[in-house]
């Protein structure tokens, strides 16, 4: 079996886990509208991720950077939210790596 379908499934699973982790910020004391507003932009790449569009996987790697920066900032600055920040940081990094893995596994053979 090729690595591309596995990486694609892993990417979708991690997308879902990351979305849930952003909603879990409610447990750390953040208001639910802010948590919902943070999770809603993740719907933007979902259609292309499900279809396996390489173009979407490419730009979604850049799309993960603000989530990574937010999780690192909260991990360092907010002691009450360290557990959820660590979980979000792990998930966003894994999501990023899974998208890169899909891009590498699905590229066409050259020459």
PDB file of N, CA and C in Angstrom:
ATOM      1  N   UNK A   1       0.840  -1.187   0.000  1.00  0.00           N
ATOM      2  CA  UNK A   1       0.000   0.000   0.000  1.00  0.00           C
ATOM      3  C   UNK A   1       0.879   1.243   0.000  1.00  0.00           C
ATOM      4  N   UNK A   2       0.473   2.213  -0.757  1.00  0.00           N
ATOM      5  CA  UNK A   2       1.205   3.468  -0.870  1.00  0.00           C
ATOM      6  C   UNK A   2       1.079   4.289   0.411  1.00  0.00           C
ATOM      7  N   UNK A   3       2.065   5.143   0.640  1.00  0.00           N
ATOM      8  CA  UNK A   3       2.056   5.985   1.838  1.00  0.00           C
ATOM      9  C   UNK A   3       1.079   7.149   1.705  1.00  0.00           C
ATOM     10  N   UNK A   4       0.720   7.534   0.486  1.00  0.00           N
ATOM     11  CA  UNK A   4      -0.163   8.691   0.282  1.00  0.00           C
ATOM     12  C   UNK A   4      -1.537   8.502   0.927  1.00  0.00           C
ATOM     13  N   UNK A   5      -2.232   7.366   0.744  1.00  0.00           N
ATOM     14  CA  UNK A   5      -3.545   7.220   1.398  1.00  0.00           C
ATOM     15  C   UNK A   5      -3.445   7.206   2.925  1.00  0.00           C
ATOM     16  N   UNK A   6      -2.371   6.649   3.439  1.00  0.00           N
ATOM     17  CA  UNK A   6      -2.177   6.633   4.889  1.00  0.00           C
ATOM     18  C   UNK A   6      -1.950   8.048   5.398  1.00  0.00           C
ATOM     19  N   UNK A   7      -1.108   8.805   4.699  1.00  0.00           N
ATOM     20  CA  UNK A   7      -0.838  10.193   5.096  1.00  0.00           C
ATOM     21  C   UNK A   7      -2.097  11.043   4.973  1.00  0.00           C
ATOM     22  N   UNK A   8      -2.893  10.778   3.966  1.00  0.00           N
ATOM     23  CA  UNK A   8      -4.147  11.524   3.783  1.00  0.00           C
ATOM     24  C   UNK A   8      -5.106  11.242   4.931  1.00  0.00           C
ATOM     25  N   UNK A   9      -5.268   9.971   5.290  1.00  0.00           N
ATOM     26  CA  UNK A   9      -6.147   9.610   6.410  1.00  0.00           C
ATOM     27  C   UNK A   9      -5.632  10.194   7.725  1.00  0.00           C
ATOM     28  N   UNK A  10      -4.325  10.150   7.914  1.00  0.00           N
ATOM     29  CA  UNK A  10      -3.727  10.716   9.117  1.00  0.00           C
ATOM     30  C   UNK A  10      -3.948  12.227   9.175  1.00  0.00           C
ATOM     31  N   UNK A  11      -3.815  12.888   8.041  1.00  0.00           N
ATOM     32  CA  UNK A  11      -4.042  14.333   7.980  1.00  0.00           C
ATOM     33  C   UNK A  11      -5.473  14.676   8.376  1.00  0.00           C
ATOM     34  N   UNK A  12      -6.431  13.930   7.862  1.00  0.00           N
ATOM     35  CA  UNK A  12      -7.835  14.198   8.190  1.00  0.00           C
ATOM     36  C   UNK A  12      -8.126  13.925   9.665  1.00  0.00           C
ATOM     37  N   UNK A  13      -7.571  12.860  10.188  1.00  0.00           N
ATOM     38  CA  UNK A  13      -7.773  12.554  11.607  1.00  0.00           C
ATOM     39  C   UNK A  13      -7.166  13.656  12.467  1.00  0.00           C
ATOM     40  N   UNK A  14      -5.968  14.101  12.127  1.00  0.00           N
ATOM     41  CA  UNK A  14      -5.313  15.158  12.902  1.00  0.00           C
ATOM     42  C   UNK A  14      -6.031  16.493  12.749  1.00  0.00           C
ATOM     43  N   UNK A  15      -6.609  16.759  11.567  1.00  0.00           N
ATOM     44  CA  UNK A  15      -7.410  17.970  11.390  1.00  0.00           C
ATOM     45  C   UNK A  15      -8.572  17.961  12.377  1.00  0.00           C
ATOM     46  N   UNK A  16      -9.258  16.829  12.466  1.00  0.00           N
ATOM     47  CA  UNK A  16     -10.384  16.708  13.397  1.00  0.00           C
ATOM     48  C   UNK A  16      -9.922  16.874  14.841  1.00  0.00           C
ATOM     49  N   UNK A  17      -8.826  16.220  15.227  1.00  0.00           N
ATOM     50  CA  UNK A  17      -8.309  16.314  16.592  1.00  0.00           C
ATOM     51  C   UNK A  17      -7.888  17.747  16.920  1.00  0.00           C
ATOM     52  N   UNK A  18      -7.283  18.433  15.973  1.00  0.00           N
ATOM     53  CA  UNK A  18      -6.885  19.822  16.194  1.00  0.00           C
ATOM     54  C   UNK A  18      -8.110  20.711  16.392  1.00  0.00           C
ATOM     55  N   UNK A  19      -9.132  20.499  15.606  1.00  0.00           N
ATOM     56  CA  UNK A  19     -10.367  21.271  15.753  1.00  0.00           C
ATOM     57  C   UNK A  19     -10.973  21.061  17.140  1.00  0.00           C
ATOM     58  N   UNK A  20     -11.012  19.824  17.586  1.00  0.00           N
ATOM     59  CA  UNK A  20     -11.538  19.522  18.926  1.00  0.00           C
ATOM     60  C   UNK A  20     -10.656  20.161  19.995  1.00  0.00           C
ATOM     61  N   UNK A  21      -9.347  20.138  19.792  1.00  0.00           N
ATOM     62  CA  UNK A  21      -8.454  20.737  20.800  1.00  0.00           C
ATOM     63  C   UNK A  21      -8.656  22.244  20.899  1.00  0.00           C
ATOM     64  N   UNK A  22      -8.967  22.899  19.784  1.00  0.00           N
ATOM     65  CA  UNK A  22      -9.246  24.337  19.837  1.00  0.00           C
ATOM     66  C   UNK A  22     -10.538  24.618  20.596  1.00  0.00           C
ATOM     67  N   UNK A  23     -11.494  23.733  20.470  1.00  0.00           N
ATOM     68  CA  UNK A  23     -12.727  23.894  21.236  1.00  0.00           C
ATOM     69  C   UNK A  23     -12.501  23.553  22.710  1.00  0.00           C
ATOM     70  N   UNK A  24     -11.489  22.755  23.008  1.00  0.00           N
ATOM     71  CA  UNK A  24     -11.171  22.394  24.395  1.00  0.00           C
ATOM     72  C   UNK A  24     -10.581  23.560  25.182  1.00  0.00           C
ATOM     73  N   UNK A  25     -10.221  24.628  24.491  1.00  0.00           N
ATOM     74  CA  UNK A  25      -9.719  25.807  25.190  1.00  0.00           C
ATOM     75  C   UNK A  25     -10.784  26.388  26.119  1.00  0.00           C
ATOM     76  N   UNK A  26     -12.032  26.029  25.906  1.00  0.00           N
ATOM     77  CA  UNK A  26     -13.118  26.445  26.804  1.00  0.00           C
ATOM     78  C   UNK A  26     -12.819  25.946  28.219  1.00  0.00           C
ATOM     79  N   UNK A  27     -12.265  24.743  28.329  1.00  0.00           N
ATOM     80  CA  UNK A  27     -11.939  24.168  29.638  1.00  0.00           C
ATOM     81  C   UNK A  27     -10.815  24.911  30.342  1.00  0.00           C
ATOM     82  N   UNK A  28     -10.040  25.675  29.586  1.00  0.00           N
ATOM     83  CA  UNK A  28      -8.945  26.456  30.176  1.00  0.00           C
ATOM     84  C   UNK A  28      -9.400  27.869  30.535  1.00  0.00           C
ATOM     85  N   UNK A  29     -10.687  28.152  30.337  1.00  0.00           N
ATOM     86  CA  UNK A  29     -11.211  29.442  30.743  1.00  0.00           C
ATOM     87  C   UNK A  29     -11.449  30.438  29.625  1.00  0.00           C
ATOM     88  N   UNK A  30     -11.226  30.042  28.391  1.00  0.00           N
ATOM     89  CA  UNK A  30     -11.473  30.951  27.276  1.00  0.00           C
ATOM     90  C   UNK A  30     -12.966  30.962  26.962  1.00  0.00           C
ATOM     91  N   UNK A  31     -13.513  32.119  26.566  1.00  0.00           N
ATOM     92  CA  UNK A  31     -14.940  32.176  26.207  1.00  0.00           C
ATOM     93  C   UNK A  31     -15.216  31.334  24.952  1.00  0.00           C
ATOM     94  N   UNK A  32     -16.377  30.711  24.917  1.00  0.00           N
ATOM     95  CA  UNK A  32     -16.683  29.812  23.808  1.00  0.00           C
ATOM     96  C   UNK A  32     -16.727  30.526  22.460  1.00  0.00           C
ATOM     97  N   UNK A  33     -17.156  31.788  22.364  1.00  0.00           N
ATOM     98  CA  UNK A  33     -17.133  32.414  21.028  1.00  0.00           C
ATOM     99  C   UNK A  33     -15.711  32.549  20.461  1.00  0.00           C
ATOM    100  N   UNK A  34     -14.747  32.791  21.332  1.00  0.00           N
ATOM    101  CA  UNK A  34     -13.357  32.890  20.867  1.00  0.00           C
ATOM    102  C   UNK A  34     -12.859  31.521  20.401  1.00  0.00           C
ATOM    103  N   UNK A  35     -13.201  30.485  21.146  1.00  0.00           N
ATOM    104  CA  UNK A  35     -12.788  29.129  20.749  1.00  0.00           C
ATOM    105  C   UNK A  35     -13.427  28.731  19.424  1.00  0.00           C
ATOM    106  N   UNK A  36     -14.688  29.067  19.260  1.00  0.00           N
ATOM    107  CA  UNK A  36     -15.377  28.774  18.009  1.00  0.00           C
ATOM    108  C   UNK A  36     -14.773  29.572  16.856  1.00  0.00           C
ATOM    109  N   UNK A  37     -14.457  30.848  17.117  1.00  0.00           N
ATOM    110  CA  UNK A  37     -13.842  31.688  16.082  1.00  0.00           C
ATOM    111  C   UNK A  37     -12.461  31.170  15.697  1.00  0.00           C
ATOM    112  N   UNK A  38     -11.751  30.564  16.631  1.00  0.00           N
ATOM    113  CA  UNK A  38     -10.433  29.991  16.323  1.00  0.00           C
ATOM    114  C   UNK A  38     -10.564  28.706  15.505  1.00  0.00           C
ATOM    115  N   UNK A  39     -11.620  27.950  15.752  1.00  0.00           N
ATOM    116  CA  UNK A  39     -11.793  26.666  15.062  1.00  0.00           C
ATOM    117  C   UNK A  39     -12.425  26.820  13.675  1.00  0.00           C
ATOM    118  N   UNK A  40     -13.248  27.829  13.464  1.00  0.00           N
ATOM    119  CA  UNK A  40     -13.951  27.984  12.186  1.00  0.00           C
ATOM    120  C   UNK A  40     -13.037  28.107  10.967  1.00  0.00           C
ATOM    121  N   UNK A  41     -11.915  28.835  11.032  1.00  0.00           N
ATOM    122  CA  UNK A  41     -11.059  28.906   9.845  1.00  0.00           C
ATOM    123  C   UNK A  41     -10.517  27.554   9.383  1.00  0.00           C
ATOM    124  N   UNK A  42     -10.504  26.574  10.272  1.00  0.00           N
ATOM    125  CA  UNK A  42     -10.034  25.247   9.871  1.00  0.00           C
ATOM    126  C   UNK A  42     -10.972  24.578   8.865  1.00  0.00           C
ATOM    127  N   UNK A  43     -12.163  25.124   8.708  1.00  0.00           N
ATOM    128  CA  UNK A  43     -13.075  24.588   7.689  1.00  0.00           C
ATOM    129  C   UNK A  43     -12.620  24.942   6.270  1.00  0.00           C
ATOM    130  N   UNK A  44     -11.812  25.992   6.134  1.00  0.00           N
ATOM    131  CA  UNK A  44     -11.378  26.445   4.806  1.00  0.00           C
ATOM    132  C   UNK A  44     -10.660  25.357   4.004  1.00  0.00           C
ATOM    133  N   UNK A  45      -9.692  24.636   4.561  1.00  0.00           N
ATOM    134  CA  UNK A  45      -9.017  23.629   3.747  1.00  0.00           C
ATOM    135  C   UNK A  45      -9.694  22.262   3.740  1.00  0.00           C
ATOM    136  N   UNK A  46     -10.775  22.085   4.484  1.00  0.00           N
ATOM    137  CA  UNK A  46     -11.351  20.745   4.655  1.00  0.00           C
ATOM    138  C   UNK A  46     -11.756  20.097   3.336  1.00  0.00           C
ATOM    139  N   UNK A  47     -12.416  20.824   2.465  1.00  0.00           N
ATOM    140  CA  UNK A  47     -12.879  20.240   1.192  1.00  0.00           C
ATOM    141  C   UNK A  47     -11.702  19.694   0.376  1.00  0.00           C
ATOM    142  N   UNK A  48     -10.637  20.487   0.264  1.00  0.00           N
ATOM    143  CA  UNK A  48      -9.467  20.044  -0.495  1.00  0.00           C
ATOM    144  C   UNK A  48      -8.716  18.916   0.184  1.00  0.00           C
ATOM    145  N   UNK A  49      -8.698  18.917   1.516  1.00  0.00           N
ATOM    146  CA  UNK A  49      -8.037  17.826   2.238  1.00  0.00           C
ATOM    147  C   UNK A  49      -8.773  16.515   2.014  1.00  0.00           C
ATOM    148  N   UNK A  50     -10.095  16.563   2.054  1.00  0.00           N
ATOM    149  CA  UNK A  50     -10.899  15.357   1.836  1.00  0.00           C
ATOM    150  C   UNK A  50     -10.709  14.842   0.407  1.00  0.00           C
ATOM    151  N   UNK A  51     -10.658  15.751  -0.561  1.00  0.00           N
ATOM    152  CA  UNK A  51     -10.486  15.354  -1.966  1.00  0.00           C
ATOM    153  C   UNK A  51      -9.064  14.912  -2.308  1.00  0.00           C
ATOM    154  N   UNK A  52      -8.108  15.273  -1.451  1.00  0.00           N
ATOM    155  CA  UNK A  52      -6.716  14.924  -1.721  1.00  0.00           C
ATOM    156  C   UNK A  52      -6.040  15.880  -2.685  1.00  0.00           C
ATOM    157  N   UNK A  53      -6.483  17.124  -2.716  1.00  0.00           N
ATOM    158  CA  UNK A  53      -5.905  18.122  -3.610  1.00  0.00           C
ATOM    159  C   UNK A  53      -4.519  18.537  -3.111  1.00  0.00           C
ATOM    160  N   UNK A  54      -3.500  18.276  -3.917  1.00  0.00           N
ATOM    161  CA  UNK A  54      -2.136  18.629  -3.525  1.00  0.00           C
ATOM    162  C   UNK A  54      -1.991  20.137  -3.306  1.00  0.00           C
ATOM    163  N   UNK A  55      -2.695  20.925  -4.101  1.00  0.00           N
ATOM    164  CA  UNK A  55      -2.636  22.378  -3.943  1.00  0.00           C
ATOM    165  C   UNK A  55      -3.125  22.788  -2.548  1.00  0.00           C
ATOM    166  N   UNK A  56      -4.223  22.188  -2.096  1.00  0.00           N
ATOM    167  CA  UNK A  56      -4.755  22.493  -0.763  1.00  0.00           C
ATOM    168  C   UNK A  56      -3.776  22.058   0.316  1.00  0.00           C
ATOM    169  N   UNK A  57      -3.205  20.889   0.169  1.00  0.00           N
ATOM    170  CA  UNK A  57      -2.236  20.417   1.161  1.00  0.00           C
ATOM    171  C   UNK A  57      -1.039  21.358   1.236  1.00  0.00           C
ATOM    172  N   UNK A  58      -0.649  21.921   0.101  1.00  0.00           N
ATOM    173  CA  UNK A  58       0.490  22.834   0.078  1.00  0.00           C
ATOM    174  C   UNK A  58       0.188  24.127   0.836  1.00  0.00           C
ATOM    175  N   UNK A  59      -0.965  24.755   0.560  1.00  0.00           N
ATOM    176  CA  UNK A  59      -1.235  26.013   1.251  1.00  0.00           C
ATOM    177  C   UNK A  59      -1.700  25.791   2.679  1.00  0.00           C
ATOM    178  N   UNK A  60      -2.254  24.628   2.981  1.00  0.00           N
ATOM    179  CA  UNK A  60      -2.696  24.363   4.351  1.00  0.00           C
ATOM    180  C   UNK A  60      -1.503  24.219   5.302  1.00  0.00           C
ATOM    181  N   UNK A  61      -0.336  23.865   4.777  1.00  0.00           N
ATOM    182  CA  UNK A  61       0.846  23.827   5.648  1.00  0.00           C
ATOM    183  C   UNK A  61       1.147  25.226   6.173  1.00  0.00           C
ATOM    184  N   UNK A  62       0.986  26.235   5.317  1.00  0.00           N
ATOM    185  CA  UNK A  62       1.173  27.618   5.761  1.00  0.00           C
ATOM    186  C   UNK A  62       0.034  28.063   6.668  1.00  0.00           C
ATOM    187  N   UNK A  63      -1.124  27.520   6.445  1.00  0.00           N
ATOM    188  CA  UNK A  63      -2.307  27.825   7.233  1.00  0.00           C
ATOM    189  C   UNK A  63      -2.140  27.354   8.682  1.00  0.00           C
ATOM    190  N   UNK A  64      -1.288  26.367   8.911  1.00  0.00           N
ATOM    191  CA  UNK A  64      -1.077  25.823  10.257  1.00  0.00           C
ATOM    192  C   UNK A  64      -0.191  26.727  11.115  1.00  0.00           C
ATOM    193  N   UNK A  65       0.569  27.614  10.516  1.00  0.00           N
ATOM    194  CA  UNK A  65       1.554  28.414  11.263  1.00  0.00           C
ATOM    195  C   UNK A  65       0.917  29.303  12.337  1.00  0.00           C
ATOM    196  N   UNK A  66      -0.182  30.014  12.075  1.00  0.00           N
ATOM    197  CA  UNK A  66      -0.768  30.823  13.155  1.00  0.00           C
ATOM    198  C   UNK A  66      -1.221  29.979  14.353  1.00  0.00           C
ATOM    199  N   UNK A  67      -1.727  28.788  14.094  1.00  0.00           N
ATOM    200  CA  UNK A  67      -2.133  27.903  15.194  1.00  0.00           C
ATOM    201  C   UNK A  67      -0.914  27.455  15.998  1.00  0.00           C
ATOM    202  N   UNK A  68       0.168  27.182  15.304  1.00  0.00           N
ATOM    203  CA  UNK A  68       1.416  26.815  15.965  1.00  0.00           C
ATOM    204  C   UNK A  68       1.908  27.971  16.849  1.00  0.00           C
ATOM    205  N   UNK A  69       1.908  29.186  16.305  1.00  0.00           N
ATOM    206  CA  UNK A  69       2.374  30.354  17.054  1.00  0.00           C
ATOM    207  C   UNK A  69       1.491  30.616  18.271  1.00  0.00           C
ATOM    208  N   UNK A  70       0.193  30.492  18.116  1.00  0.00           N
ATOM    209  CA  UNK A  70      -0.718  30.692  19.237  1.00  0.00           C
ATOM    210  C   UNK A  70      -0.469  29.672  20.339  1.00  0.00           C
ATOM    211  N   UNK A  71      -0.299  28.407  19.969  1.00  0.00           N
ATOM    212  CA  UNK A  71      -0.081  27.358  20.966  1.00  0.00           C
ATOM    213  C   UNK A  71       1.240  27.567  21.704  1.00  0.00           C
ATOM    214  N   UNK A  72       2.291  27.939  20.992  1.00  0.00           N
ATOM    215  CA  UNK A  72       3.587  28.193  21.644  1.00  0.00           C
ATOM    216  C   UNK A  72       3.470  29.382  22.594  1.00  0.00           C
ATOM    217  N   UNK A  73       2.805  30.442  22.166  1.00  0.00           N
ATOM    218  CA  UNK A  73       2.644  31.627  23.006  1.00  0.00           C
ATOM    219  C   UNK A  73       1.881  31.296  24.286  1.00  0.00           C
ATOM    220  N   UNK A  74       0.789  30.586  24.149  1.00  0.00           N
ATOM    221  CA  UNK A  74      -0.008  30.238  25.328  1.00  0.00           C
ATOM    222  C   UNK A  74       0.719  29.243  26.230  1.00  0.00           C
ATOM    223  N   UNK A  75       1.484  28.371  25.651  1.00  0.00           N
ATOM    224  CA  UNK A  75       2.265  27.413  26.438  1.00  0.00           C
ATOM    225  C   UNK A  75       3.261  28.141  27.330  1.00  0.00           C
ATOM    226  N   UNK A  76       3.873  29.188  26.813  1.00  0.00           N
ATOM    227  CA  UNK A  76       4.880  29.937  27.571  1.00  0.00           C
ATOM    228  C   UNK A  76       4.270  30.985  28.501  1.00  0.00           C
ATOM    229  N   UNK A  77       3.153  31.585  28.110  1.00  0.00           N
ATOM    230  CA  UNK A  77       2.648  32.746  28.832  1.00  0.00           C
ATOM    231  C   UNK A  77       1.476  32.478  29.766  1.00  0.00           C
ATOM    232  N   UNK A  78       0.767  31.391  29.579  1.00  0.00           N
ATOM    233  CA  UNK A  78      -0.458  31.162  30.341  1.00  0.00           C
ATOM    234  C   UNK A  78      -0.384  29.857  31.127  1.00  0.00           C
ATOM    235  N   UNK A  79      -0.001  29.913  32.398  1.00  0.00           N
ATOM    236  CA  UNK A  79       0.127  28.678  33.186  1.00  0.00           C
ATOM    237  C   UNK A  79      -1.176  27.890  33.309  1.00  0.00           C
ATOM    238  N   UNK A  80      -2.324  28.572  33.327  1.00  0.00           N
ATOM    239  CA  UNK A  80      -3.613  27.864  33.436  1.00  0.00           C
ATOM    240  C   UNK A  80      -3.924  27.024  32.206  1.00  0.00           C
ATOM    241  N   UNK A  81      -3.389  27.420  31.077  1.00  0.00           N
ATOM    242  CA  UNK A  81      -3.742  26.750  29.822  1.00  0.00           C
ATOM    243  C   UNK A  81      -2.613  25.878  29.278  1.00  0.00           C
ATOM    244  N   UNK A  82      -1.613  25.586  30.082  1.00  0.00           N
ATOM    245  CA  UNK A  82      -0.463  24.837  29.555  1.00  0.00           C
ATOM    246  C   UNK A  82      -0.834  23.461  29.032  1.00  0.00           C
ATOM    247  N   UNK A  83      -1.724  22.782  29.704  1.00  0.00           N
ATOM    248  CA  UNK A  83      -2.074  21.426  29.273  1.00  0.00           C
ATOM    249  C   UNK A  83      -2.770  21.435  27.915  1.00  0.00           C
ATOM    250  N   UNK A  84      -3.700  22.362  27.714  1.00  0.00           N
ATOM    251  CA  UNK A  84      -4.402  22.422  26.433  1.00  0.00           C
ATOM    252  C   UNK A  84      -3.500  23.021  25.350  1.00  0.00           C
ATOM    253  N   UNK A  85      -2.612  23.928  25.732  1.00  0.00           N
ATOM    254  CA  UNK A  85      -1.668  24.494  24.760  1.00  0.00           C
ATOM    255  C   UNK A  85      -0.694  23.422  24.283  1.00  0.00           C
ATOM    256  N   UNK A  86      -0.232  22.591  25.203  1.00  0.00           N
ATOM    257  CA  UNK A  86       0.676  21.505  24.818  1.00  0.00           C
ATOM    258  C   UNK A  86      -0.021  20.514  23.886  1.00  0.00           C
ATOM    259  N   UNK A  87      -1.272  20.207  24.188  1.00  0.00           N
ATOM    260  CA  UNK A  87      -2.030  19.296  23.330  1.00  0.00           C
ATOM    261  C   UNK A  87      -2.227  19.909  21.941  1.00  0.00           C
ATOM    262  N   UNK A  88      -2.594  21.178  21.895  1.00  0.00           N
ATOM    263  CA  UNK A  88      -2.794  21.842  20.603  1.00  0.00           C
ATOM    264  C   UNK A  88      -1.493  21.950  19.822  1.00  0.00           C
ATOM    265  N   UNK A  89      -0.407  22.244  20.518  1.00  0.00           N
ATOM    266  CA  UNK A  89       0.904  22.343  19.861  1.00  0.00           C
ATOM    267  C   UNK A  89       1.301  21.008  19.243  1.00  0.00           C
ATOM    268  N   UNK A  90       1.129  19.942  19.983  1.00  0.00           N
ATOM    269  CA  UNK A  90       1.451  18.608  19.468  1.00  0.00           C
ATOM    270  C   UNK A  90       0.594  18.279  18.247  1.00  0.00           C
ATOM    271  N   UNK A  91      -0.689  18.578  18.328  1.00  0.00           N
ATOM    272  CA  UNK A  91      -1.591  18.249  17.219  1.00  0.00           C
ATOM    273  C   UNK A  91      -1.329  19.091  15.976  1.00  0.00           C
ATOM    274  N   UNK A  92      -1.067  20.385  16.147  1.00  0.00           N
ATOM    275  CA  UNK A  92      -0.816  21.222  14.968  1.00  0.00           C
ATOM    276  C   UNK A  92       0.507  20.833  14.314  1.00  0.00           C
ATOM    277  N   UNK A  93       1.503  20.478  15.114  1.00  0.00           N
ATOM    278  CA  UNK A  93       2.773  20.040  14.533  1.00  0.00           C
ATOM    279  C   UNK A  93       2.604  18.709  13.801  1.00  0.00           C
ATOM    280  N   UNK A  94       1.858  17.793  14.392  1.00  0.00           N
ATOM    281  CA  UNK A  94       1.611  16.503  13.742  1.00  0.00           C
ATOM    282  C   UNK A  94       0.803  16.686  12.458  1.00  0.00           C
ATOM    283  N   UNK A  95      -0.182  17.586  12.484  1.00  0.00           N
ATOM    284  CA  UNK A  95      -0.985  17.870  11.287  1.00  0.00           C
ATOM    285  C   UNK A  95      -0.099  18.422  10.175  1.00  0.00           C
ATOM    286  N   UNK A  96       0.773  19.355  10.533  1.00  0.00           N
ATOM    287  CA  UNK A  96       1.714  19.931   9.576  1.00  0.00           C
ATOM    288  C   UNK A  96       2.592  18.830   8.964  1.00  0.00           C
ATOM    289  N   UNK A  97       3.153  17.969   9.806  1.00  0.00           N
ATOM    290  CA  UNK A  97       4.027  16.889   9.321  1.00  0.00           C
ATOM    291  C   UNK A  97       3.265  15.900   8.445  1.00  0.00           C
ATOM    292  N   UNK A  98       2.026  15.598   8.797  1.00  0.00           N
ATOM    293  CA  UNK A  98       1.226  14.672   7.990  1.00  0.00           C
ATOM    294  C   UNK A  98       0.934  15.257   6.607  1.00  0.00           C
ATOM    295  N   UNK A  99       0.702  16.558   6.537  1.00  0.00           N
ATOM    296  CA  UNK A  99       0.460  17.186   5.231  1.00  0.00           C
ATOM    297  C   UNK A  99       1.728  17.148   4.374  1.00  0.00           C
ATOM    298  N   UNK A 100       2.875  17.403   4.992  1.00  0.00           N
ATOM    299  CA  UNK A 100       4.146  17.321   4.260  1.00  0.00           C
ATOM    300  C   UNK A 100       4.377  15.883   3.783  1.00  0.00           C
ATOM    301  N   UNK A 101       4.084  14.916   4.630  1.00  0.00           N
ATOM    302  CA  UNK A 101       4.232  13.511   4.247  1.00  0.00           C
ATOM    303  C   UNK A 101       3.347  13.178   3.050  1.00  0.00           C
ATOM    304  N   UNK A 102       2.107  13.666   3.062  1.00  0.00           N
ATOM    305  CA  UNK A 102       1.216  13.429   1.917  1.00  0.00           C
ATOM    306  C   UNK A 102       1.784  14.050   0.647  1.00  0.00           C
ATOM    307  N   UNK A 103       2.280  15.297   0.754  1.00  0.00           N
ATOM    308  CA  UNK A 103       2.833  15.953  -0.429  1.00  0.00           C
ATOM    309  C   UNK A 103       4.022  15.188  -0.990  1.00  0.00           C
ATOM    310  N   UNK A 104       4.865  14.678  -0.121  1.00  0.00           N
ATOM    311  CA  UNK A 104       6.027  13.917  -0.600  1.00  0.00           C
ATOM    312  C   UNK A 104       5.621  12.572  -1.182  1.00  0.00           C
ATOM    313  N   UNK A 105       4.649  11.920  -0.554  1.00  0.00           N
ATOM    314  CA  UNK A 105       4.250  10.583  -1.002  1.00  0.00           C
ATOM    315  C   UNK A 105       3.415  10.637  -2.283  1.00  0.00           C
ATOM    316  N   UNK A 106       2.748  11.760  -2.546  1.00  0.00           N
ATOM    317  CA  UNK A 106       1.853  11.808  -3.696  1.00  0.00           C
ATOM    318  C   UNK A 106       2.436  12.527  -4.913  1.00  0.00           C
ATOM    319  N   UNK A 107       3.679  12.958  -4.822  1.00  0.00           N
ATOM    320  CA  UNK A 107       4.235  13.669  -5.981  1.00  0.00           C
ATOM    321  C   UNK A 107       4.488  12.701  -7.125  1.00  0.00           C
ATOM    322  N   UNK A 108       4.323  13.208  -8.319  1.00  0.00           N
ATOM    323  CA  UNK A 108       4.494  12.380  -9.510  1.00  0.00           C
ATOM    324  C   UNK A 108       5.958  12.089  -9.787  1.00  0.00           C
ATOM    325  N   UNK A 109       6.175  11.031 -10.519  1.00  0.00           N
ATOM    326  CA  UNK A 109       7.545  10.689 -10.901  1.00  0.00           C
ATOM    327  C   UNK A 109       8.013  11.608 -12.016  1.00  0.00           C
ATOM    328  N   UNK A 110       9.241  12.050 -11.904  1.00  0.00           N
ATOM    329  CA  UNK A 110       9.772  12.983 -12.912  1.00  0.00           C
ATOM    330  C   UNK A 110      10.711  12.236 -13.853  1.00  0.00           C
ATOM    331  N   UNK A 111      10.616  12.625 -15.109  1.00  0.00           N
ATOM    332  CA  UNK A 111      11.517  12.157 -16.147  1.00  0.00           C
ATOM    333  C   UNK A 111      11.631  10.711 -16.209  1.00  0.00           C
TER     334      UNK A 111
END
